[in-house]
């Protein structure tokens, strides 16, 4: 194996898939323990230490006039929202 490692160093071609598998097998225990510790640590943080914060904002504008789909598309039923005419087309009619 030393011959193969020295030839890889000299050629500077990088690692093959076989070598990645060998590295994983060699350090399998360390990789699994480190992943498990990080997982348990994140669970403890999430459930016991960090308080969830929820932010929500909304704006609802309505008019006293209740219309149908045609009024919604033309912007007639919602006069307070600016820019709706750009989406639906000002003066659009639905038949």
PDB file of N, CA and C in Angstrom:
ATOM      1  N   UNK A   1       0.828  -1.183   0.000  1.00  0.00           N
ATOM      2  CA  UNK A   1       0.000   0.000   0.000  1.00  0.00           C
ATOM      3  C   UNK A   1       0.872   1.245   0.000  1.00  0.00           C
ATOM      4  N   UNK A   2       2.058   1.166   0.588  1.00  0.00           N
ATOM      5  CA  UNK A   2       2.960   2.312   0.602  1.00  0.00           C
ATOM      6  C   UNK A   2       3.400   2.679  -0.807  1.00  0.00           C
ATOM      7  N   UNK A   3       3.573   1.674  -1.660  1.00  0.00           N
ATOM      8  CA  UNK A   3       3.950   1.958  -3.037  1.00  0.00           C
ATOM      9  C   UNK A   3       2.845   2.745  -3.736  1.00  0.00           C
ATOM     10  N   UNK A   4       1.617   2.353  -3.462  1.00  0.00           N
ATOM     11  CA  UNK A   4       0.488   3.022  -4.103  1.00  0.00           C
ATOM     12  C   UNK A   4       0.363   4.458  -3.608  1.00  0.00           C
ATOM     13  N   UNK A   5       0.546   4.677  -2.297  1.00  0.00           N
ATOM     14  CA  UNK A   5       0.453   6.029  -1.753  1.00  0.00           C
ATOM     15  C   UNK A   5       1.552   6.920  -2.310  1.00  0.00           C
ATOM     16  N   UNK A   6       2.765   6.391  -2.447  1.00  0.00           N
ATOM     17  CA  UNK A   6       3.850   7.207  -2.973  1.00  0.00           C
ATOM     18  C   UNK A   6       3.620   7.538  -4.440  1.00  0.00           C
ATOM     19  N   UNK A   7       3.055   6.599  -5.197  1.00  0.00           N
ATOM     20  CA  UNK A   7       2.778   6.887  -6.599  1.00  0.00           C
ATOM     21  C   UNK A   7       1.676   7.929  -6.743  1.00  0.00           C
ATOM     22  N   UNK A   8       0.723   7.934  -5.816  1.00  0.00           N
ATOM     23  CA  UNK A   8      -0.339   8.939  -5.847  1.00  0.00           C
ATOM     24  C   UNK A   8       0.243  10.302  -5.527  1.00  0.00           C
ATOM     25  N   UNK A   9       1.126  10.373  -4.530  1.00  0.00           N
ATOM     26  CA  UNK A   9       1.739  11.644  -4.174  1.00  0.00           C
ATOM     27  C   UNK A   9       2.568  12.193  -5.332  1.00  0.00           C
ATOM     28  N   UNK A  10       3.280  11.332  -6.015  1.00  0.00           N
ATOM     29  CA  UNK A  10       4.129  11.776  -7.120  1.00  0.00           C
ATOM     30  C   UNK A  10       3.286  12.229  -8.305  1.00  0.00           C
ATOM     31  N   UNK A  11       2.217  11.507  -8.596  1.00  0.00           N
ATOM     32  CA  UNK A  11       1.404  11.844  -9.751  1.00  0.00           C
ATOM     33  C   UNK A  11       0.478  13.032  -9.466  1.00  0.00           C
ATOM     34  N   UNK A  12       0.175  13.281  -8.183  1.00  0.00           N
ATOM     35  CA  UNK A  12      -0.713  14.374  -7.766  1.00  0.00           C
ATOM     36  C   UNK A  12      -2.055  14.304  -8.495  1.00  0.00           C
ATOM     37  N   UNK A  13      -2.617  13.103  -8.575  1.00  0.00           N
ATOM     38  CA  UNK A  13      -3.893  12.913  -9.267  1.00  0.00           C
ATOM     39  C   UNK A  13      -5.085  12.998  -8.335  1.00  0.00           C
ATOM     40  N   UNK A  14      -4.901  13.036  -7.037  1.00  0.00           N
ATOM     41  CA  UNK A  14      -6.010  13.086  -6.094  1.00  0.00           C
ATOM     42  C   UNK A  14      -6.373  11.708  -5.595  1.00  0.00           C
ATOM     43  N   UNK A  15      -7.530  11.613  -4.976  1.00  0.00           N
ATOM     44  CA  UNK A  15      -7.984  10.356  -4.383  1.00  0.00           C
ATOM     45  C   UNK A  15      -9.051   9.718  -5.258  1.00  0.00           C
ATOM     46  N   UNK A  16      -9.020   8.415  -5.319  1.00  0.00           N
ATOM     47  CA  UNK A  16     -10.046   7.685  -6.050  1.00  0.00           C
ATOM     48  C   UNK A  16     -11.185   7.323  -5.104  1.00  0.00           C
ATOM     49  N   UNK A  17     -12.257   6.816  -5.652  1.00  0.00           N
ATOM     50  CA  UNK A  17     -13.407   6.421  -4.847  1.00  0.00           C
ATOM     51  C   UNK A  17     -13.013   5.303  -3.879  1.00  0.00           C
ATOM     52  N   UNK A  18     -12.187   4.406  -4.328  1.00  0.00           N
ATOM     53  CA  UNK A  18     -11.722   3.310  -3.474  1.00  0.00           C
ATOM     54  C   UNK A  18     -10.982   3.851  -2.254  1.00  0.00           C
ATOM     55  N   UNK A  19     -10.177   4.856  -2.453  1.00  0.00           N
ATOM     56  CA  UNK A  19      -9.423   5.429  -1.332  1.00  0.00           C
ATOM     57  C   UNK A  19     -10.337   6.187  -0.374  1.00  0.00           C
ATOM     58  N   UNK A  20     -11.365   6.857  -0.906  1.00  0.00           N
ATOM     59  CA  UNK A  20     -12.345   7.498  -0.022  1.00  0.00           C
ATOM     60  C   UNK A  20     -13.060   6.451   0.838  1.00  0.00           C
ATOM     61  N   UNK A  21     -13.395   5.316   0.257  1.00  0.00           N
ATOM     62  CA  UNK A  21     -14.054   4.251   1.016  1.00  0.00           C
ATOM     63  C   UNK A  21     -13.115   3.709   2.089  1.00  0.00           C
ATOM     64  N   UNK A  22     -11.854   3.531   1.752  1.00  0.00           N
ATOM     65  CA  UNK A  22     -10.885   3.059   2.751  1.00  0.00           C
ATOM     66  C   UNK A  22     -10.731   4.051   3.896  1.00  0.00           C
ATOM     67  N   UNK A  23     -10.696   5.339   3.590  1.00  0.00           N
ATOM     68  CA  UNK A  23     -10.592   6.363   4.640  1.00  0.00           C
ATOM     69  C   UNK A  23     -11.825   6.319   5.519  1.00  0.00           C
ATOM     70  N   UNK A  24     -13.007   6.182   4.917  1.00  0.00           N
ATOM     71  CA  UNK A  24     -14.230   6.108   5.703  1.00  0.00           C
ATOM     72  C   UNK A  24     -14.232   4.891   6.610  1.00  0.00           C
ATOM     73  N   UNK A  25     -13.818   3.751   6.092  1.00  0.00           N
ATOM     74  CA  UNK A  25     -13.778   2.530   6.903  1.00  0.00           C
ATOM     75  C   UNK A  25     -12.769   2.680   8.042  1.00  0.00           C
ATOM     76  N   UNK A  26     -11.649   3.305   7.752  1.00  0.00           N
ATOM     77  CA  UNK A  26     -10.615   3.469   8.777  1.00  0.00           C
ATOM     78  C   UNK A  26     -11.091   4.383   9.907  1.00  0.00           C
ATOM     79  N   UNK A  27     -11.793   5.466   9.568  1.00  0.00           N
ATOM     80  CA  UNK A  27     -12.228   6.435  10.572  1.00  0.00           C
ATOM     81  C   UNK A  27     -13.735   6.384  10.817  1.00  0.00           C
ATOM     82  N   UNK A  28     -14.345   5.237  10.552  1.00  0.00           N
ATOM     83  CA  UNK A  28     -15.787   5.078  10.682  1.00  0.00           C
ATOM     84  C   UNK A  28     -16.265   5.386  12.096  1.00  0.00           C
ATOM     85  N   UNK A  29     -15.606   4.870  13.078  1.00  0.00           N
ATOM     86  CA  UNK A  29     -16.021   5.057  14.469  1.00  0.00           C
ATOM     87  C   UNK A  29     -15.953   6.532  14.854  1.00  0.00           C
ATOM     88  N   UNK A  30     -14.895   7.210  14.480  1.00  0.00           N
ATOM     89  CA  UNK A  30     -14.747   8.633  14.798  1.00  0.00           C
ATOM     90  C   UNK A  30     -15.807   9.465  14.103  1.00  0.00           C
ATOM     91  N   UNK A  31     -16.082   9.160  12.853  1.00  0.00           N
ATOM     92  CA  UNK A  31     -17.083   9.903  12.091  1.00  0.00           C
ATOM     93  C   UNK A  31     -18.468   9.708  12.712  1.00  0.00           C
ATOM     94  N   UNK A  32     -18.829   8.488  13.055  1.00  0.00           N
ATOM     95  CA  UNK A  32     -20.146   8.217  13.631  1.00  0.00           C
ATOM     96  C   UNK A  32     -20.305   8.837  15.016  1.00  0.00           C
ATOM     97  N   UNK A  33     -19.262   8.777  15.835  1.00  0.00           N
ATOM     98  CA  UNK A  33     -19.337   9.374  17.174  1.00  0.00           C
ATOM     99  C   UNK A  33     -19.481  10.891  17.075  1.00  0.00           C
ATOM    100  N   UNK A  34     -18.715  11.517  16.213  1.00  0.00           N
ATOM    101  CA  UNK A  34     -18.797  12.969  16.049  1.00  0.00           C
ATOM    102  C   UNK A  34     -20.176  13.383  15.543  1.00  0.00           C
ATOM    103  N   UNK A  35     -20.714  12.661  14.587  1.00  0.00           N
ATOM    104  CA  UNK A  35     -22.044  12.959  14.073  1.00  0.00           C
ATOM    105  C   UNK A  35     -23.106  12.763  15.149  1.00  0.00           C
ATOM    106  N   UNK A  36     -22.999  11.712  15.928  1.00  0.00           N
ATOM    107  CA  UNK A  36     -23.959  11.455  16.998  1.00  0.00           C
ATOM    108  C   UNK A  36     -23.929  12.522  18.077  1.00  0.00           C
ATOM    109  N   UNK A  37     -22.738  12.957  18.474  1.00  0.00           N
ATOM    110  CA  UNK A  37     -22.615  14.007  19.487  1.00  0.00           C
ATOM    111  C   UNK A  37     -23.228  15.306  18.974  1.00  0.00           C
ATOM    112  N   UNK A  38     -22.965  15.657  17.730  1.00  0.00           N
ATOM    113  CA  UNK A  38     -23.543  16.873  17.168  1.00  0.00           C
ATOM    114  C   UNK A  38     -25.064  16.775  17.096  1.00  0.00           C
ATOM    115  N   UNK A  39     -25.580  15.605  16.762  1.00  0.00           N
ATOM    116  CA  UNK A  39     -27.021  15.395  16.683  1.00  0.00           C
ATOM    117  C   UNK A  39     -27.670  15.538  18.058  1.00  0.00           C
ATOM    118  N   UNK A  40     -27.115  14.901  19.067  1.00  0.00           N
ATOM    119  CA  UNK A  40     -27.665  14.988  20.431  1.00  0.00           C
ATOM    120  C   UNK A  40     -27.575  16.422  20.947  1.00  0.00           C
ATOM    121  N   UNK A  41     -26.473  17.095  20.685  1.00  0.00           N
ATOM    122  CA  UNK A  41     -26.298  18.485  21.108  1.00  0.00           C
ATOM    123  C   UNK A  41     -27.351  19.391  20.467  1.00  0.00           C
ATOM    124  N   UNK A  42     -27.622  19.194  19.188  1.00  0.00           N
ATOM    125  CA  UNK A  42     -28.623  20.019  18.511  1.00  0.00           C
ATOM    126  C   UNK A  42     -30.028  19.737  19.036  1.00  0.00           C
ATOM    127  N   UNK A  43     -30.329  18.492  19.376  1.00  0.00           N
ATOM    128  CA  UNK A  43     -31.643  18.163  19.944  1.00  0.00           C
ATOM    129  C   UNK A  43     -31.819  18.829  21.298  1.00  0.00           C
ATOM    130  N   UNK A  44     -30.792  18.780  22.138  1.00  0.00           N
ATOM    131  CA  UNK A  44     -30.871  19.419  23.454  1.00  0.00           C
ATOM    132  C   UNK A  44     -31.067  20.919  23.296  1.00  0.00           C
ATOM    133  N   UNK A  45     -30.318  21.548  22.398  1.00  0.00           N
ATOM    134  CA  UNK A  45     -30.490  22.979  22.169  1.00  0.00           C
ATOM    135  C   UNK A  45     -31.898  23.304  21.696  1.00  0.00           C
ATOM    136  N   UNK A  46     -32.391  22.542  20.752  1.00  0.00           N
ATOM    137  CA  UNK A  46     -33.684  22.840  20.149  1.00  0.00           C
ATOM    138  C   UNK A  46     -34.829  22.679  21.146  1.00  0.00           C
ATOM    139  N   UNK A  47     -34.844  21.612  21.906  1.00  0.00           N
ATOM    140  CA  UNK A  47     -35.986  21.337  22.768  1.00  0.00           C
ATOM    141  C   UNK A  47     -35.909  21.964  24.156  1.00  0.00           C
ATOM    142  N   UNK A  48     -34.719  22.194  24.686  1.00  0.00           N
ATOM    143  CA  UNK A  48     -34.619  22.627  26.081  1.00  0.00           C
ATOM    144  C   UNK A  48     -34.026  24.015  26.275  1.00  0.00           C
ATOM    145  N   UNK A  49     -33.246  24.527  25.383  1.00  0.00           N
ATOM    146  CA  UNK A  49     -32.545  25.782  25.636  1.00  0.00           C
ATOM    147  C   UNK A  49     -33.105  26.935  24.805  1.00  0.00           C
ATOM    148  N   UNK A  50     -33.258  26.748  23.516  1.00  0.00           N
ATOM    149  CA  UNK A  50     -33.674  27.823  22.635  1.00  0.00           C
ATOM    150  C   UNK A  50     -35.188  27.952  22.646  1.00  0.00           C
ATOM    151  N   UNK A  51     -35.669  29.158  22.937  1.00  0.00           N
ATOM    152  CA  UNK A  51     -37.102  29.425  22.898  1.00  0.00           C
ATOM    153  C   UNK A  51     -37.491  29.813  21.476  1.00  0.00           C
ATOM    154  N   UNK A  52     -38.529  29.209  20.946  1.00  0.00           N
ATOM    155  CA  UNK A  52     -38.934  29.552  19.581  1.00  0.00           C
ATOM    156  C   UNK A  52     -39.514  30.962  19.519  1.00  0.00           C
ATOM    157  N   UNK A  53     -39.210  31.671  18.453  1.00  0.00           N
ATOM    158  CA  UNK A  53     -39.719  33.015  18.235  1.00  0.00           C
ATOM    159  C   UNK A  53     -40.452  33.005  16.905  1.00  0.00           C
ATOM    160  N   UNK A  54     -41.701  33.425  16.928  1.00  0.00           N
ATOM    161  CA  UNK A  54     -42.513  33.448  15.720  1.00  0.00           C
ATOM    162  C   UNK A  54     -42.900  34.891  15.415  1.00  0.00           C
ATOM    163  N   UNK A  55     -42.620  35.329  14.221  1.00  0.00           N
ATOM    164  CA  UNK A  55     -42.993  36.660  13.781  1.00  0.00           C
ATOM    165  C   UNK A  55     -43.988  36.537  12.637  1.00  0.00           C
ATOM    166  N   UNK A  56     -45.024  37.351  12.702  1.00  0.00           N
ATOM    167  CA  UNK A  56     -45.996  37.346  11.627  1.00  0.00           C
ATOM    168  C   UNK A  56     -46.607  38.732  11.529  1.00  0.00           C
ATOM    169  N   UNK A  57     -46.688  39.237  10.320  1.00  0.00           N
ATOM    170  CA  UNK A  57     -47.359  40.504  10.095  1.00  0.00           C
ATOM    171  C   UNK A  57     -48.299  40.326   8.911  1.00  0.00           C
ATOM    172  N   UNK A  58     -49.377  41.076   8.940  1.00  0.00           N
ATOM    173  CA  UNK A  58     -50.309  41.031   7.821  1.00  0.00           C
ATOM    174  C   UNK A  58     -51.083  42.329   7.772  1.00  0.00           C
ATOM    175  N   UNK A  59     -51.571  42.626   6.606  1.00  0.00           N
ATOM    176  CA  UNK A  59     -52.410  43.798   6.399  1.00  0.00           C
ATOM    177  C   UNK A  59     -53.605  43.359   5.573  1.00  0.00           C
ATOM    178  N   UNK A  60     -54.788  43.650   6.079  1.00  0.00           N
ATOM    179  CA  UNK A  60     -56.006  43.309   5.361  1.00  0.00           C
ATOM    180  C   UNK A  60     -56.770  44.603   5.118  1.00  0.00           C
ATOM    181  N   UNK A  61     -56.993  44.889   3.856  1.00  0.00           N
ATOM    182  CA  UNK A  61     -57.761  46.085   3.500  1.00  0.00           C
ATOM    183  C   UNK A  61     -59.006  45.629   2.750  1.00  0.00           C
ATOM    184  N   UNK A  62     -60.128  46.114   3.199  1.00  0.00           N
ATOM    185  CA  UNK A  62     -61.377  45.740   2.547  1.00  0.00           C
ATOM    186  C   UNK A  62     -62.195  46.991   2.284  1.00  0.00           C
ATOM    187  N   UNK A  63     -63.200  46.838   1.477  1.00  0.00           N
ATOM    188  CA  UNK A  63     -64.153  47.923   1.251  1.00  0.00           C
ATOM    189  C   UNK A  63     -65.530  47.431   1.674  1.00  0.00           C
ATOM    190  N   UNK A  64     -66.441  48.361   1.807  1.00  0.00           N
ATOM    191  CA  UNK A  64     -67.777  47.962   2.222  1.00  0.00           C
ATOM    192  C   UNK A  64     -68.539  47.314   1.080  1.00  0.00           C
ATOM    193  N   UNK A  65     -68.086  47.510  -0.152  1.00  0.00           N
ATOM    194  CA  UNK A  65     -68.742  46.930  -1.319  1.00  0.00           C
ATOM    195  C   UNK A  65     -68.261  45.493  -1.513  1.00  0.00           C
ATOM    196  N   UNK A  66     -69.173  44.553  -1.649  1.00  0.00           N
ATOM    197  CA  UNK A  66     -68.821  43.168  -1.897  1.00  0.00           C
ATOM    198  C   UNK A  66     -69.146  42.869  -3.352  1.00  0.00           C
ATOM    199  N   UNK A  67     -68.142  42.471  -4.118  1.00  0.00           N
ATOM    200  CA  UNK A  67     -68.347  42.229  -5.537  1.00  0.00           C
ATOM    201  C   UNK A  67     -67.982  40.811  -5.901  1.00  0.00           C
ATOM    202  N   UNK A  68     -68.086  40.522  -7.170  1.00  0.00           N
ATOM    203  CA  UNK A  68     -67.767  39.190  -7.663  1.00  0.00           C
ATOM    204  C   UNK A  68     -66.359  39.127  -8.214  1.00  0.00           C
ATOM    205  N   UNK A  69     -66.117  38.140  -9.037  1.00  0.00           N
ATOM    206  CA  UNK A  69     -64.798  37.921  -9.625  1.00  0.00           C
ATOM    207  C   UNK A  69     -64.430  39.067 -10.556  1.00  0.00           C
ATOM    208  N   UNK A  70     -65.383  39.598 -11.273  1.00  0.00           N
ATOM    209  CA  UNK A  70     -65.122  40.690 -12.204  1.00  0.00           C
ATOM    210  C   UNK A  70     -64.616  41.914 -11.459  1.00  0.00           C
ATOM    211  N   UNK A  71     -65.191  42.203 -10.314  1.00  0.00           N
ATOM    212  CA  UNK A  71     -64.727  43.341  -9.523  1.00  0.00           C
ATOM    213  C   UNK A  71     -63.312  43.107  -8.989  1.00  0.00           C
ATOM    214  N   UNK A  72     -63.000  41.876  -8.623  1.00  0.00           N
ATOM    215  CA  UNK A  72     -61.652  41.583  -8.142  1.00  0.00           C
ATOM    216  C   UNK A  72     -60.617  41.773  -9.240  1.00  0.00           C
ATOM    217  N   UNK A  73     -60.926  41.323 -10.450  1.00  0.00           N
ATOM    218  CA  UNK A  73     -59.984  41.445 -11.556  1.00  0.00           C
ATOM    219  C   UNK A  73     -59.800  42.886 -12.006  1.00  0.00           C
ATOM    220  N   UNK A  74     -60.841  43.672 -11.938  1.00  0.00           N
ATOM    221  CA  UNK A  74     -60.738  45.062 -12.377  1.00  0.00           C
ATOM    222  C   UNK A  74     -60.235  45.963 -11.258  1.00  0.00           C
ATOM    223  N   UNK A  75     -60.164  45.472 -10.048  1.00  0.00           N
ATOM    224  CA  UNK A  75     -59.716  46.281  -8.927  1.00  0.00           C
ATOM    225  C   UNK A  75     -60.837  47.058  -8.289  1.00  0.00           C
ATOM    226  N   UNK A  76     -62.072  46.814  -8.668  1.00  0.00           N
ATOM    227  CA  UNK A  76     -63.208  47.569  -8.144  1.00  0.00           C
ATOM    228  C   UNK A  76     -63.551  47.228  -6.716  1.00  0.00           C
ATOM    229  N   UNK A  77     -63.369  45.979  -6.311  1.00  0.00           N
ATOM    230  CA  UNK A  77     -63.762  45.575  -4.958  1.00  0.00           C
ATOM    231  C   UNK A  77     -62.700  45.890  -3.926  1.00  0.00           C
ATOM    232  N   UNK A  78     -61.483  46.150  -4.368  1.00  0.00           N
ATOM    233  CA  UNK A  78     -60.401  46.432  -3.431  1.00  0.00           C
ATOM    234  C   UNK A  78     -59.715  47.733  -3.856  1.00  0.00           C
ATOM    235  N   UNK A  79     -60.310  48.883  -3.579  1.00  0.00           N
ATOM    236  CA  UNK A  79     -59.736  50.133  -4.051  1.00  0.00           C
ATOM    237  C   UNK A  79     -58.520  50.598  -3.258  1.00  0.00           C
ATOM    238  N   UNK A  80     -58.313  50.083  -2.054  1.00  0.00           N
ATOM    239  CA  UNK A  80     -57.231  50.569  -1.200  1.00  0.00           C
ATOM    240  C   UNK A  80     -55.863  49.999  -1.553  1.00  0.00           C
ATOM    241  N   UNK A  81     -55.778  48.891  -2.260  1.00  0.00           N
ATOM    242  CA  UNK A  81     -54.494  48.259  -2.546  1.00  0.00           C
ATOM    243  C   UNK A  81     -53.952  48.850  -3.835  1.00  0.00           C
ATOM    244  N   UNK A  82     -52.825  49.516  -3.737  1.00  0.00           N
ATOM    245  CA  UNK A  82     -52.214  50.113  -4.917  1.00  0.00           C
ATOM    246  C   UNK A  82     -51.474  49.066  -5.719  1.00  0.00           C
ATOM    247  N   UNK A  83     -51.439  49.232  -7.025  1.00  0.00           N
ATOM    248  CA  UNK A  83     -50.695  48.328  -7.876  1.00  0.00           C
ATOM    249  C   UNK A  83     -51.459  47.091  -8.295  1.00  0.00           C
ATOM    250  N   UNK A  84     -52.690  46.911  -7.851  1.00  0.00           N
ATOM    251  CA  UNK A  84     -53.451  45.736  -8.254  1.00  0.00           C
ATOM    252  C   UNK A  84     -53.828  45.824  -9.723  1.00  0.00           C
ATOM    253  N   UNK A  85     -54.025  47.023 -10.220  1.00  0.00           N
ATOM    254  CA  UNK A  85     -54.362  47.210 -11.625  1.00  0.00           C
ATOM    255  C   UNK A  85     -53.250  46.733 -12.540  1.00  0.00           C
ATOM    256  N   UNK A  86     -51.993  46.814 -12.089  1.00  0.00           N
ATOM    257  CA  UNK A  86     -50.883  46.329 -12.892  1.00  0.00           C
ATOM    258  C   UNK A  86     -50.919  44.812 -13.049  1.00  0.00           C
ATOM    259  N   UNK A  87     -51.428  44.125 -12.051  1.00  0.00           N
ATOM    260  CA  UNK A  87     -51.491  42.668 -12.109  1.00  0.00           C
ATOM    261  C   UNK A  87     -52.678  42.178 -12.937  1.00  0.00           C
ATOM    262  N   UNK A  88     -53.851  42.794 -12.721  1.00  0.00           N
ATOM    263  CA  UNK A  88     -55.062  42.305 -13.368  1.00  0.00           C
ATOM    264  C   UNK A  88     -55.404  43.086 -14.622  1.00  0.00           C
ATOM    265  N   UNK A  89     -54.847  44.243 -14.788  1.00  0.00           N
ATOM    266  CA  UNK A  89     -55.199  45.085 -15.928  1.00  0.00           C
ATOM    267  C   UNK A  89     -56.324  46.022 -15.555  1.00  0.00           C
ATOM    268  N   UNK A  90     -56.083  47.315 -15.628  1.00  0.00           N
ATOM    269  CA  UNK A  90     -57.101  48.299 -15.246  1.00  0.00           C
ATOM    270  C   UNK A  90     -58.197  48.274 -16.293  1.00  0.00           C
ATOM    271  N   UNK A  91     -59.426  48.183 -15.835  1.00  0.00           N
ATOM    272  CA  UNK A  91     -60.560  48.181 -16.733  1.00  0.00           C
ATOM    273  C   UNK A  91     -60.809  46.845 -17.395  1.00  0.00           C
ATOM    274  N   UNK A  92     -60.176  45.789 -16.908  1.00  0.00           N
ATOM    275  CA  UNK A  92     -60.381  44.464 -17.497  1.00  0.00           C
ATOM    276  C   UNK A  92     -61.790  43.993 -17.191  1.00  0.00           C
ATOM    277  N   UNK A  93     -62.385  43.359 -18.144  1.00  0.00           N
ATOM    278  CA  UNK A  93     -63.739  42.854 -17.918  1.00  0.00           C
ATOM    279  C   UNK A  93     -63.748  41.348 -18.139  1.00  0.00           C
ATOM    280  N   UNK A  94     -64.551  40.670 -17.364  1.00  0.00           N
ATOM    281  CA  UNK A  94     -64.669  39.211 -17.456  1.00  0.00           C
ATOM    282  C   UNK A  94     -66.068  38.909 -17.938  1.00  0.00           C
ATOM    283  N   UNK A  95     -66.166  38.080 -18.972  1.00  0.00           N
ATOM    284  CA  UNK A  95     -67.489  37.717 -19.499  1.00  0.00           C
ATOM    285  C   UNK A  95     -67.768  36.266 -19.219  1.00  0.00           C
TER     286      UNK A  95
END
